[in-house]
Amino acid sequence: MPILALYQPDIPQNCGTMLRTCACLGVGAAIIEPAGFPTTDRHFRRAGMDYLDHVRIDRHASWEAFEAWRRREGRRLVLLTTKGDTAYTDFAFRADDVLLVGRESAGAPDHVHVAADARLVIPVREGLRSLNVAVSAAMVLGEALRQLR
């Protein structure tokens, strides 16, 4: 099954919402540290509610630690980004995919873009920037699971 990875999340409510989504969809999650908040934050816990006990969350102390793990596992890195070159609906997902979202405040840095095997975009109307990261993650996870199931 694919997993959802969060690169240095900085808004606890979004992080909690994405982890709750993972729990409900039966998808594992990874958090690439440092996060911009303590995971004991009340907003994080409120957004995740009691669902956080139902999702496997792997924590990686750094980008380098995450990349080492991903390469050992032989997983493909699929970055969700407004700078993507392929619409998520035109992409063929695989069970070994890691769907990665960047920071809410800054996206993913250049070295993450370079490491990605694919960079996907959700097309939005002209003049608008992007959807909320938790909404984007849910949309793309839904499409990946539709294809794989």
C-alpha atoms as a PDB file:
ATOM      1  CA  MET A   1       0.000   0.000   0.000  1.00  0.00           C
ATOM      2  CA  PRO A   2       1.212   3.536  -0.608  1.00  0.00           C
ATOM      3  CA  ILE A   3       2.029   5.721   2.369  1.00  0.00           C
ATOM      4  CA  LEU A   4       1.639   9.438   2.953  1.00  0.00           C
ATOM      5  CA  ALA A   5       4.753  11.323   4.061  1.00  0.00           C
ATOM      6  CA  LEU A   6       4.699  14.815   5.535  1.00  0.00           C
ATOM      7  CA  TYR A   7       7.834  16.905   5.047  1.00  0.00           C
ATOM      8  CA  GLN A   8       8.422  19.048   8.149  1.00  0.00           C
ATOM      9  CA  PRO A   9       4.744  19.822   8.752  1.00  0.00           C
ATOM     10  CA  ASP A  10       4.186  23.184  10.409  1.00  0.00           C
ATOM     11  CA  ILE A  11       0.430  23.429  11.011  1.00  0.00           C
ATOM     12  CA  PRO A  12      -0.757  20.948  13.644  1.00  0.00           C
ATOM     13  CA  GLN A  13      -4.383  20.930  12.515  1.00  0.00           C
ATOM     14  CA  ASN A  14      -3.419  19.960   8.946  1.00  0.00           C
ATOM     15  CA  CYS A  15      -1.036  17.274  10.168  1.00  0.00           C
ATOM     16  CA  GLY A  16      -3.688  15.805  12.461  1.00  0.00           C
ATOM     17  CA  THR A  17      -6.247  15.857   9.653  1.00  0.00           C
ATOM     18  CA  MET A  18      -3.900  14.054   7.251  1.00  0.00           C
ATOM     19  CA  LEU A  19      -3.083  11.392   9.844  1.00  0.00           C
ATOM     20  CA  ARG A  20      -6.795  10.920  10.525  1.00  0.00           C
ATOM     21  CA  THR A  21      -7.299  10.475   6.761  1.00  0.00           C
ATOM     22  CA  CYS A  22      -4.563   7.834   6.727  1.00  0.00           C
ATOM     23  CA  ALA A  23      -6.236   5.993   9.604  1.00  0.00           C
ATOM     24  CA  CYS A  24      -9.614   5.994   7.880  1.00  0.00           C
ATOM     25  CA  LEU A  25      -8.185   4.849   4.537  1.00  0.00           C
ATOM     26  CA  GLY A  26      -5.850   2.224   6.009  1.00  0.00           C
ATOM     27  CA  VAL A  27      -2.716   3.966   4.774  1.00  0.00           C
ATOM     28  CA  GLY A  28       0.512   4.321   6.756  1.00  0.00           C
ATOM     29  CA  ALA A  29       2.129   7.699   7.377  1.00  0.00           C
ATOM     30  CA  ALA A  30       5.593   9.134   7.837  1.00  0.00           C
ATOM     31  CA  ILE A  31       6.601  12.406   9.442  1.00  0.00           C
ATOM     32  CA  ILE A  32       9.917  13.874   8.372  1.00  0.00           C
ATOM     33  CA  GLU A  33      11.235  16.018  11.217  1.00  0.00           C
ATOM     34  CA  PRO A  34      11.578  18.619  12.397  1.00  0.00           C
ATOM     35  CA  ALA A  35       7.898  19.449  12.692  1.00  0.00           C
ATOM     36  CA  GLY A  36       6.975  23.039  13.405  1.00  0.00           C
ATOM     37  CA  PHE A  37       5.084  22.052  16.556  1.00  0.00           C
ATOM     38  CA  PRO A  38       5.277  19.424  19.303  1.00  0.00           C
ATOM     39  CA  THR A  39       3.193  16.367  18.453  1.00  0.00           C
ATOM     40  CA  THR A  40       1.625  16.729  21.871  1.00  0.00           C
ATOM     41  CA  ASP A  41       0.090  20.027  20.657  1.00  0.00           C
ATOM     42  CA  ARG A  42      -3.620  20.190  21.545  1.00  0.00           C
ATOM     43  CA  HIS A  43      -4.587  21.345  18.024  1.00  0.00           C
ATOM     44  CA  PHE A  44      -2.776  18.354  16.527  1.00  0.00           C
ATOM     45  CA  ARG A  45      -4.468  15.939  18.928  1.00  0.00           C
ATOM     46  CA  ARG A  46      -7.888  17.564  18.388  1.00  0.00           C
ATOM     47  CA  ALA A  47      -7.640  17.316  14.585  1.00  0.00           C
ATOM     48  CA  GLY A  48      -6.459  13.707  14.763  1.00  0.00           C
ATOM     49  CA  MET A  49      -8.850  12.830  17.583  1.00  0.00           C
ATOM     50  CA  ASP A  50      -8.682   9.206  18.678  1.00  0.00           C
ATOM     51  CA  TYR A  51      -7.864   8.172  15.106  1.00  0.00           C
ATOM     52  CA  LEU A  52      -4.134   8.647  15.720  1.00  0.00           C
ATOM     53  CA  ASP A  53      -4.150   5.347  17.584  1.00  0.00           C
ATOM     54  CA  HIS A  54      -5.277   3.636  14.361  1.00  0.00           C
ATOM     55  CA  VAL A  55      -2.528   4.705  11.978  1.00  0.00           C
ATOM     56  CA  ARG A  56       1.066   3.559  11.766  1.00  0.00           C
ATOM     57  CA  ILE A  57       3.255   6.654  11.912  1.00  0.00           C
ATOM     58  CA  ASP A  58       6.939   6.278  11.131  1.00  0.00           C
ATOM     59  CA  ARG A  59       9.055   9.191  12.276  1.00  0.00           C
ATOM     60  CA  HIS A  60      12.265  10.153  10.537  1.00  0.00           C
ATOM     61  CA  ALA A  61      14.663  12.508  12.334  1.00  0.00           C
ATOM     62  CA  SER A  62      15.713  14.195   9.084  1.00  0.00           C
ATOM     63  CA  TRP A  63      15.322  14.200   5.321  1.00  0.00           C
ATOM     64  CA  GLU A  64      18.507  12.132   5.059  1.00  0.00           C
ATOM     65  CA  ALA A  65      17.143   9.490   7.445  1.00  0.00           C
ATOM     66  CA  PHE A  66      13.890   9.348   5.493  1.00  0.00           C
ATOM     67  CA  GLU A  67      15.717   8.993   2.166  1.00  0.00           C
ATOM     68  CA  ALA A  68      17.908   6.206   3.531  1.00  0.00           C
ATOM     69  CA  TRP A  69      14.787   4.353   4.723  1.00  0.00           C
ATOM     70  CA  ARG A  70      12.965   4.913   1.421  1.00  0.00           C
ATOM     71  CA  ARG A  71      15.864   3.628  -0.643  1.00  0.00           C
ATOM     72  CA  ARG A  72      16.286   0.548   1.576  1.00  0.00           C
ATOM     73  CA  GLU A  73      12.569  -0.184   1.146  1.00  0.00           C
ATOM     74  CA  GLY A  74      12.732   0.378  -2.629  1.00  0.00           C
ATOM     75  CA  ARG A  75       9.832   2.831  -2.592  1.00  0.00           C
ATOM     76  CA  ARG A  76       9.084   5.363  -5.310  1.00  0.00           C
ATOM     77  CA  LEU A  77       8.878   9.009  -4.195  1.00  0.00           C
ATOM     78  CA  VAL A  78       5.871  10.894  -5.574  1.00  0.00           C
ATOM     79  CA  LEU A  79       5.858  14.587  -4.649  1.00  0.00           C
ATOM     80  CA  LEU A  80       2.579  16.517  -4.599  1.00  0.00           C
ATOM     81  CA  THR A  81       3.457  20.056  -5.620  1.00  0.00           C
ATOM     82  CA  THR A  82       2.062  23.120  -7.325  1.00  0.00           C
ATOM     83  CA  LYS A  83       5.222  22.928  -9.459  1.00  0.00           C
ATOM     84  CA  GLY A  84       4.364  19.441 -10.707  1.00  0.00           C
ATOM     85  CA  ASP A  85       4.499  18.462 -14.347  1.00  0.00           C
ATOM     86  CA  THR A  86       1.878  15.674 -14.333  1.00  0.00           C
ATOM     87  CA  ALA A  87      -1.755  15.896 -13.265  1.00  0.00           C
ATOM     88  CA  TYR A  88      -2.443  13.397 -10.487  1.00  0.00           C
ATOM     89  CA  THR A  89      -5.339  11.958 -12.511  1.00  0.00           C
ATOM     90  CA  ASP A  90      -2.965  11.130 -15.386  1.00  0.00           C
ATOM     91  CA  PHE A  91      -0.499   9.230 -13.178  1.00  0.00           C
ATOM     92  CA  ALA A  92      -0.261   5.448 -12.728  1.00  0.00           C
ATOM     93  CA  PHE A  93       0.171   4.821  -9.004  1.00  0.00           C
ATOM     94  CA  ARG A  94       1.960   1.786  -7.572  1.00  0.00           C
ATOM     95  CA  ALA A  95       1.646   0.059  -4.233  1.00  0.00           C
ATOM     96  CA  ASP A  96       5.221   1.014  -3.298  1.00  0.00           C
ATOM     97  CA  ASP A  97       4.624   4.755  -3.689  1.00  0.00           C
ATOM     98  CA  VAL A  98       5.394   7.290  -0.991  1.00  0.00           C
ATOM     99  CA  LEU A  99       3.135  10.288  -1.572  1.00  0.00           C
ATOM    100  CA  LEU A 100       4.966  13.283  -0.143  1.00  0.00           C
ATOM    101  CA  VAL A 101       3.511  16.672   0.773  1.00  0.00           C
ATOM    102  CA  GLY A 102       5.664  19.675   1.593  1.00  0.00           C
ATOM    103  CA  ARG A 103       5.405  22.237   4.366  1.00  0.00           C
ATOM    104  CA  GLU A 104       2.228  24.253   4.419  1.00  0.00           C
ATOM    105  CA  SER A 105       4.191  27.494   4.642  1.00  0.00           C
ATOM    106  CA  ALA A 106       6.924  26.815   2.091  1.00  0.00           C
ATOM    107  CA  GLY A 107       6.259  23.631   0.116  1.00  0.00           C
ATOM    108  CA  ALA A 108       9.164  21.300  -0.546  1.00  0.00           C
ATOM    109  CA  PRO A 109      12.727  22.570  -1.018  1.00  0.00           C
ATOM    110  CA  ASP A 110      14.709  22.056  -4.216  1.00  0.00           C
ATOM    111  CA  HIS A 111      16.610  18.995  -2.950  1.00  0.00           C
ATOM    112  CA  VAL A 112      13.282  17.225  -2.330  1.00  0.00           C
ATOM    113  CA  HIS A 113      12.104  18.071  -5.857  1.00  0.00           C
ATOM    114  CA  VAL A 114      15.346  16.643  -7.246  1.00  0.00           C
ATOM    115  CA  ALA A 115      14.928  13.405  -5.267  1.00  0.00           C
ATOM    116  CA  ALA A 116      11.339  12.857  -6.431  1.00  0.00           C
ATOM    117  CA  ASP A 117      10.654  10.147  -8.991  1.00  0.00           C
ATOM    118  CA  ALA A 118       7.485  11.991 -10.030  1.00  0.00           C
ATOM    119  CA  ARG A 119       6.018  15.439  -9.316  1.00  0.00           C
ATOM    120  CA  LEU A 120       2.233  15.621  -9.412  1.00  0.00           C
ATOM    121  CA  VAL A 121      -0.051  18.625  -9.506  1.00  0.00           C
ATOM    122  CA  ILE A 122      -3.746  19.086  -8.856  1.00  0.00           C
ATOM    123  CA  PRO A 123      -4.917  21.429 -11.614  1.00  0.00           C
ATOM    124  CA  VAL A 124      -6.764  24.438 -10.185  1.00  0.00           C
ATOM    125  CA  ARG A 125      -8.521  27.373 -11.798  1.00  0.00           C
ATOM    126  CA  GLU A 126      -6.457  30.123 -13.358  1.00  0.00           C
ATOM    127  CA  GLY A 127      -5.414  32.788 -10.853  1.00  0.00           C
ATOM    128  CA  LEU A 128      -5.689  30.510  -7.798  1.00  0.00           C
ATOM    129  CA  ARG A 129      -2.608  29.036  -6.123  1.00  0.00           C
ATOM    130  CA  SER A 130      -3.504  25.770  -4.457  1.00  0.00           C
ATOM    131  CA  LEU A 131      -5.784  23.715  -2.259  1.00  0.00           C
ATOM    132  CA  ASN A 132      -5.169  23.105   1.429  1.00  0.00           C
ATOM    133  CA  VAL A 133      -2.468  20.446   1.880  1.00  0.00           C
ATOM    134  CA  ALA A 134      -4.787  18.101   3.806  1.00  0.00           C
ATOM    135  CA  VAL A 135      -7.429  18.345   1.076  1.00  0.00           C
ATOM    136  CA  SER A 136      -4.776  17.736  -1.593  1.00  0.00           C
ATOM    137  CA  ALA A 137      -3.407  14.706   0.234  1.00  0.00           C
ATOM    138  CA  ALA A 138      -6.905  13.218   0.558  1.00  0.00           C
ATOM    139  CA  MET A 139      -7.668  13.749  -3.137  1.00  0.00           C
ATOM    140  CA  VAL A 140      -4.467  12.130  -4.343  1.00  0.00           C
ATOM    141  CA  LEU A 141      -4.640   9.272  -1.825  1.00  0.00           C
ATOM    142  CA  GLY A 142      -8.199   8.619  -2.968  1.00  0.00           C
ATOM    143  CA  GLU A 143      -7.099   8.406  -6.603  1.00  0.00           C
ATOM    144  CA  ALA A 144      -4.138   6.175  -5.755  1.00  0.00           C
ATOM    145  CA  LEU A 145      -6.356   3.781  -3.791  1.00  0.00           C
ATOM    146  CA  ARG A 146      -9.007   3.793  -6.520  1.00  0.00           C
ATOM    147  CA  GLN A 147      -6.379   2.679  -9.018  1.00  0.00           C
ATOM    148  CA  LEU A 148      -4.823   0.076  -6.749  1.00  0.00           C
ATOM    149  CA  ARG A 149      -8.019  -1.494  -5.425  1.00  0.00           C
END
